[in-house]
Amino acid sequence: MASSEDLKEVLKESLENRGVLGQIKARIRAEVFNALDDQSEHKPPLSNENVLINELIREYLEYNKYRYASSVLVAESGMPKVALEREFLRNELNVVEDAPAKTVPLLYSIVSHYVNRHPRSTAASQAQAPHREGNRGTFQQQMEEQLDDGEAHTALTVRGGKR
């Protein structure tokens, strides 16, 4: 007869092999967070920018099936439970998409647009360059430069982001 330890090990392996164990752990973490979250604590109102950023992140999380992470984001940030429509996000961000880009989250398309446009701005190339104060060859610097040039006020056209 199998011992209880053997049974626990077989059960654990079975759940891991089916990908269920990770989901169960994530669900438990989300439920513990919800139980510990102080509902009486008033969260500061979200700015329009924070709402847009949170919605981009939520779309990304849900697309990748990170549903519990998404539920924690919604609960912790005070976002509405119902997501904003993608068309609304596109209009607010002034994004024009081609057909392939519509199949992935907007965040993929936006990142893909800037990575393809400024290939040296990727994290890998930045990790190779020594960090020097005043030398900010980063994505943030490029965004600031575009704002200075007025470029960020034009429509962002994205083509087929990759997953």
C-alpha atoms as a PDB file:
ATOM      1  CA  MET A   1       0.000   0.000   0.000  1.00  0.00           C
ATOM      2  CA  ALA A   2       1.282   3.497  -0.893  1.00  0.00           C
ATOM      3  CA  SER A   3       2.180   5.824   1.932  1.00  0.00           C
ATOM      4  CA  SER A   4       0.526   9.222   2.324  1.00  0.00           C
ATOM      5  CA  GLU A   5       3.832  10.821   1.276  1.00  0.00           C
ATOM      6  CA  ASP A   6       3.816   8.800  -1.971  1.00  0.00           C
ATOM      7  CA  LEU A   7       0.217   9.779  -2.600  1.00  0.00           C
ATOM      8  CA  LYS A   8       0.986  13.479  -2.001  1.00  0.00           C
ATOM      9  CA  GLU A   9       3.946  13.302  -4.391  1.00  0.00           C
ATOM     10  CA  VAL A  10       1.904  11.621  -7.157  1.00  0.00           C
ATOM     11  CA  LEU A  11      -0.899  14.149  -6.696  1.00  0.00           C
ATOM     12  CA  LYS A  12       1.544  17.070  -6.817  1.00  0.00           C
ATOM     13  CA  GLU A  13       3.189  15.730  -9.993  1.00  0.00           C
ATOM     14  CA  SER A  14      -0.201  15.196 -11.620  1.00  0.00           C
ATOM     15  CA  LEU A  15      -1.340  18.728 -10.828  1.00  0.00           C
ATOM     16  CA  GLU A  16       1.983  20.179 -12.031  1.00  0.00           C
ATOM     17  CA  ASN A  17       1.882  18.195 -15.284  1.00  0.00           C
ATOM     18  CA  ARG A  18      -1.634  19.468 -16.041  1.00  0.00           C
ATOM     19  CA  GLY A  19      -0.626  23.052 -15.205  1.00  0.00           C
ATOM     20  CA  VAL A  20      -3.204  23.237 -12.440  1.00  0.00           C
ATOM     21  CA  LEU A  21      -0.897  23.615  -9.454  1.00  0.00           C
ATOM     22  CA  GLY A  22       0.337  27.051 -10.525  1.00  0.00           C
ATOM     23  CA  GLN A  23      -3.239  28.185 -11.090  1.00  0.00           C
ATOM     24  CA  ILE A  24      -4.279  26.944  -7.655  1.00  0.00           C
ATOM     25  CA  LYS A  25      -1.380  28.770  -5.997  1.00  0.00           C
ATOM     26  CA  ALA A  26      -2.186  31.979  -7.884  1.00  0.00           C
ATOM     27  CA  ARG A  27      -5.855  31.692  -6.944  1.00  0.00           C
ATOM     28  CA  ILE A  28      -4.961  31.201  -3.271  1.00  0.00           C
ATOM     29  CA  ARG A  29      -2.676  34.257  -3.343  1.00  0.00           C
ATOM     30  CA  ALA A  30      -5.415  36.350  -4.970  1.00  0.00           C
ATOM     31  CA  GLU A  31      -8.001  35.198  -2.419  1.00  0.00           C
ATOM     32  CA  VAL A  32      -5.628  35.866   0.502  1.00  0.00           C
ATOM     33  CA  PHE A  33      -4.968  39.345  -0.895  1.00  0.00           C
ATOM     34  CA  ASN A  34      -8.699  39.992  -1.224  1.00  0.00           C
ATOM     35  CA  ALA A  35      -9.296  38.798   2.335  1.00  0.00           C
ATOM     36  CA  LEU A  36      -6.523  41.001   3.727  1.00  0.00           C
ATOM     37  CA  ASP A  37      -7.297  44.044   1.589  1.00  0.00           C
ATOM     38  CA  ASP A  38      -8.749  46.784   3.762  1.00  0.00           C
ATOM     39  CA  GLN A  39     -11.942  47.744   1.929  1.00  0.00           C
ATOM     40  CA  SER A  40     -12.449  50.728   4.218  1.00  0.00           C
ATOM     41  CA  GLU A  41      -9.162  52.269   3.069  1.00  0.00           C
ATOM     42  CA  HIS A  42      -9.937  54.873   0.432  1.00  0.00           C
ATOM     43  CA  LYS A  43      -7.682  54.721  -2.577  1.00  0.00           C
ATOM     44  CA  PRO A  44      -6.707  57.983  -4.280  1.00  0.00           C
ATOM     45  CA  PRO A  45      -8.612  58.646  -7.486  1.00  0.00           C
ATOM     46  CA  LEU A  46      -6.905  57.325 -10.602  1.00  0.00           C
ATOM     47  CA  SER A  47      -5.612  59.874 -13.082  1.00  0.00           C
ATOM     48  CA  ASN A  48      -6.579  59.441 -16.729  1.00  0.00           C
ATOM     49  CA  GLU A  49      -3.016  58.326 -17.487  1.00  0.00           C
ATOM     50  CA  ASN A  50      -3.102  55.694 -14.738  1.00  0.00           C
ATOM     51  CA  VAL A  51      -6.413  54.361 -16.033  1.00  0.00           C
ATOM     52  CA  LEU A  52      -4.978  53.987 -19.537  1.00  0.00           C
ATOM     53  CA  ILE A  53      -1.781  52.352 -18.279  1.00  0.00           C
ATOM     54  CA  ASN A  54      -3.710  49.983 -15.999  1.00  0.00           C
ATOM     55  CA  GLU A  55      -6.045  49.043 -18.855  1.00  0.00           C
ATOM     56  CA  LEU A  56      -3.081  48.255 -21.127  1.00  0.00           C
ATOM     57  CA  ILE A  57      -1.636  46.066 -18.379  1.00  0.00           C
ATOM     58  CA  ARG A  58      -5.001  44.395 -17.720  1.00  0.00           C
ATOM     59  CA  GLU A  59      -5.438  43.580 -21.431  1.00  0.00           C
ATOM     60  CA  TYR A  60      -1.917  42.093 -21.475  1.00  0.00           C
ATOM     61  CA  LEU A  61      -2.520  40.034 -18.305  1.00  0.00           C
ATOM     62  CA  GLU A  62      -5.842  38.661 -19.503  1.00  0.00           C
ATOM     63  CA  TYR A  63      -4.487  37.851 -22.979  1.00  0.00           C
ATOM     64  CA  ASN A  64      -1.726  35.795 -21.354  1.00  0.00           C
ATOM     65  CA  LYS A  65      -4.232  34.095 -19.026  1.00  0.00           C
ATOM     66  CA  TYR A  66      -2.860  35.805 -15.894  1.00  0.00           C
ATOM     67  CA  ARG A  67      -6.411  36.171 -14.602  1.00  0.00           C
ATOM     68  CA  TYR A  68      -5.547  36.195 -10.916  1.00  0.00           C
ATOM     69  CA  ALA A  69      -2.845  38.811 -11.412  1.00  0.00           C
ATOM     70  CA  SER A  70      -5.436  40.830 -13.313  1.00  0.00           C
ATOM     71  CA  SER A  71      -7.973  40.481 -10.511  1.00  0.00           C
ATOM     72  CA  VAL A  72      -5.396  41.658  -7.966  1.00  0.00           C
ATOM     73  CA  LEU A  73      -4.531  44.651 -10.204  1.00  0.00           C
ATOM     74  CA  VAL A  74      -8.212  45.603 -10.422  1.00  0.00           C
ATOM     75  CA  ALA A  75      -8.779  45.194  -6.688  1.00  0.00           C
ATOM     76  CA  GLU A  76      -5.614  46.958  -5.608  1.00  0.00           C
ATOM     77  CA  SER A  77      -5.850  49.874  -8.045  1.00  0.00           C
ATOM     78  CA  GLY A  78      -9.551  50.555  -7.623  1.00  0.00           C
ATOM     79  CA  MET A  79     -10.192  50.160 -11.348  1.00  0.00           C
ATOM     80  CA  PRO A  80     -13.698  49.378 -12.549  1.00  0.00           C
ATOM     81  CA  LYS A  81     -14.308  45.621 -12.799  1.00  0.00           C
ATOM     82  CA  VAL A  82     -15.424  45.995 -16.419  1.00  0.00           C
ATOM     83  CA  ALA A  83     -12.551  46.722 -18.801  1.00  0.00           C
ATOM     84  CA  LEU A  84     -12.625  49.706 -21.120  1.00  0.00           C
ATOM     85  CA  GLU A  85     -13.262  48.863 -24.747  1.00  0.00           C
ATOM     86  CA  ARG A  86     -10.186  48.460 -26.942  1.00  0.00           C
ATOM     87  CA  GLU A  87     -11.499  51.031 -29.429  1.00  0.00           C
ATOM     88  CA  PHE A  88     -11.713  53.593 -26.628  1.00  0.00           C
ATOM     89  CA  LEU A  89      -8.090  52.851 -25.631  1.00  0.00           C
ATOM     90  CA  ARG A  90      -6.944  53.140 -29.259  1.00  0.00           C
ATOM     91  CA  ASN A  91      -8.698  56.484 -29.625  1.00  0.00           C
ATOM     92  CA  GLU A  92      -7.336  57.866 -26.354  1.00  0.00           C
ATOM     93  CA  LEU A  93      -3.796  56.738 -27.221  1.00  0.00           C
ATOM     94  CA  ASN A  94      -4.167  57.876 -30.831  1.00  0.00           C
ATOM     95  CA  VAL A  95      -3.158  54.421 -32.142  1.00  0.00           C
ATOM     96  CA  VAL A  96      -3.933  53.185 -35.648  1.00  0.00           C
ATOM     97  CA  GLU A  97      -3.629  49.410 -36.038  1.00  0.00           C
ATOM     98  CA  ASP A  98      -3.331  47.075 -38.987  1.00  0.00           C
ATOM     99  CA  ALA A  99      -5.237  43.763 -38.970  1.00  0.00           C
ATOM    100  CA  PRO A 100      -2.462  41.586 -37.402  1.00  0.00           C
ATOM    101  CA  ALA A 101      -1.939  44.101 -34.585  1.00  0.00           C
ATOM    102  CA  LYS A 102      -5.599  43.713 -33.583  1.00  0.00           C
ATOM    103  CA  THR A 103      -4.961  40.103 -32.564  1.00  0.00           C
ATOM    104  CA  VAL A 104      -2.583  40.962 -29.725  1.00  0.00           C
ATOM    105  CA  PRO A 105      -2.811  43.377 -26.788  1.00  0.00           C
ATOM    106  CA  LEU A 106      -2.155  47.028 -27.555  1.00  0.00           C
ATOM    107  CA  LEU A 107       0.857  46.900 -25.246  1.00  0.00           C
ATOM    108  CA  TYR A 108       2.588  44.389 -27.574  1.00  0.00           C
ATOM    109  CA  SER A 109       1.918  46.606 -30.556  1.00  0.00           C
ATOM    110  CA  ILE A 110       3.126  49.762 -28.845  1.00  0.00           C
ATOM    111  CA  VAL A 111       6.321  48.136 -27.583  1.00  0.00           C
ATOM    112  CA  SER A 112       6.915  46.485 -30.964  1.00  0.00           C
ATOM    113  CA  HIS A 113       6.526  49.850 -32.688  1.00  0.00           C
ATOM    114  CA  TYR A 114       9.187  51.508 -30.527  1.00  0.00           C
ATOM    115  CA  VAL A 115      11.559  48.544 -30.492  1.00  0.00           C
ATOM    116  CA  ASN A 116      11.463  48.307 -34.299  1.00  0.00           C
ATOM    117  CA  ARG A 117      11.795  52.052 -34.678  1.00  0.00           C
ATOM    118  CA  HIS A 118      14.598  52.413 -32.114  1.00  0.00           C
ATOM    119  CA  PRO A 119      16.320  49.005 -32.036  1.00  0.00           C
ATOM    120  CA  ARG A 120      19.050  50.178 -29.648  1.00  0.00           C
ATOM    121  CA  SER A 121      16.497  51.022 -26.964  1.00  0.00           C
ATOM    122  CA  THR A 122      15.873  47.399 -26.001  1.00  0.00           C
ATOM    123  CA  ALA A 123      16.706  46.259 -22.503  1.00  0.00           C
ATOM    124  CA  ALA A 124      19.336  43.818 -23.800  1.00  0.00           C
ATOM    125  CA  SER A 125      21.358  46.509 -25.535  1.00  0.00           C
ATOM    126  CA  GLN A 126      20.980  48.828 -22.543  1.00  0.00           C
ATOM    127  CA  ALA A 127      22.231  46.097 -20.214  1.00  0.00           C
ATOM    128  CA  GLN A 128      25.442  45.878 -22.250  1.00  0.00           C
ATOM    129  CA  ALA A 129      26.113  49.618 -22.091  1.00  0.00           C
ATOM    130  CA  PRO A 130      27.683  50.878 -18.874  1.00  0.00           C
ATOM    131  CA  HIS A 131      25.362  53.045 -16.811  1.00  0.00           C
ATOM    132  CA  ARG A 132      26.571  56.621 -16.687  1.00  0.00           C
ATOM    133  CA  GLU A 133      24.823  59.508 -15.076  1.00  0.00           C
ATOM    134  CA  GLY A 134      23.586  61.859 -17.761  1.00  0.00           C
ATOM    135  CA  ASN A 135      23.713  59.127 -20.409  1.00  0.00           C
ATOM    136  CA  ARG A 136      20.092  58.064 -20.614  1.00  0.00           C
ATOM    137  CA  GLY A 137      19.877  56.233 -23.939  1.00  0.00           C
ATOM    138  CA  THR A 138      16.641  54.736 -22.708  1.00  0.00           C
ATOM    139  CA  PHE A 139      13.100  54.298 -23.894  1.00  0.00           C
ATOM    140  CA  GLN A 140      12.090  57.090 -21.499  1.00  0.00           C
ATOM    141  CA  GLN A 141      14.586  59.505 -23.052  1.00  0.00           C
ATOM    142  CA  GLN A 142      13.328  58.676 -26.534  1.00  0.00           C
ATOM    143  CA  MET A 143       9.753  59.308 -25.436  1.00  0.00           C
ATOM    144  CA  GLU A 144      10.767  62.648 -23.949  1.00  0.00           C
ATOM    145  CA  GLU A 145      12.560  63.565 -27.174  1.00  0.00           C
ATOM    146  CA  GLN A 146       9.457  62.716 -29.172  1.00  0.00           C
ATOM    147  CA  LEU A 147       7.356  64.885 -26.891  1.00  0.00           C
ATOM    148  CA  ASP A 148       9.830  67.731 -27.389  1.00  0.00           C
ATOM    149  CA  ASP A 149       9.664  67.232 -31.169  1.00  0.00           C
ATOM    150  CA  GLY A 150       5.874  67.102 -31.087  1.00  0.00           C
ATOM    151  CA  GLU A 151       6.088  63.632 -32.623  1.00  0.00           C
ATOM    152  CA  ALA A 152       4.098  61.941 -29.853  1.00  0.00           C
ATOM    153  CA  HIS A 153       1.080  64.079 -30.706  1.00  0.00           C
ATOM    154  CA  THR A 154       0.651  62.386 -34.073  1.00  0.00           C
ATOM    155  CA  ALA A 155      -1.030  59.025 -34.525  1.00  0.00           C
ATOM    156  CA  LEU A 156       0.998  55.982 -33.560  1.00  0.00           C
ATOM    157  CA  THR A 157       0.698  53.455 -36.370  1.00  0.00           C
ATOM    158  CA  VAL A 158       1.455  49.929 -35.258  1.00  0.00           C
ATOM    159  CA  ARG A 159       1.787  46.863 -37.405  1.00  0.00           C
ATOM    160  CA  GLY A 160       1.444  43.307 -36.219  1.00  0.00           C
ATOM    161  CA  GLY A 161       2.931  43.125 -32.757  1.00  0.00           C
ATOM    162  CA  LYS A 162       4.503  39.808 -31.857  1.00  0.00           C
ATOM    163  CA  ARG A 163       3.838  37.614 -28.899  1.00  0.00           C
END
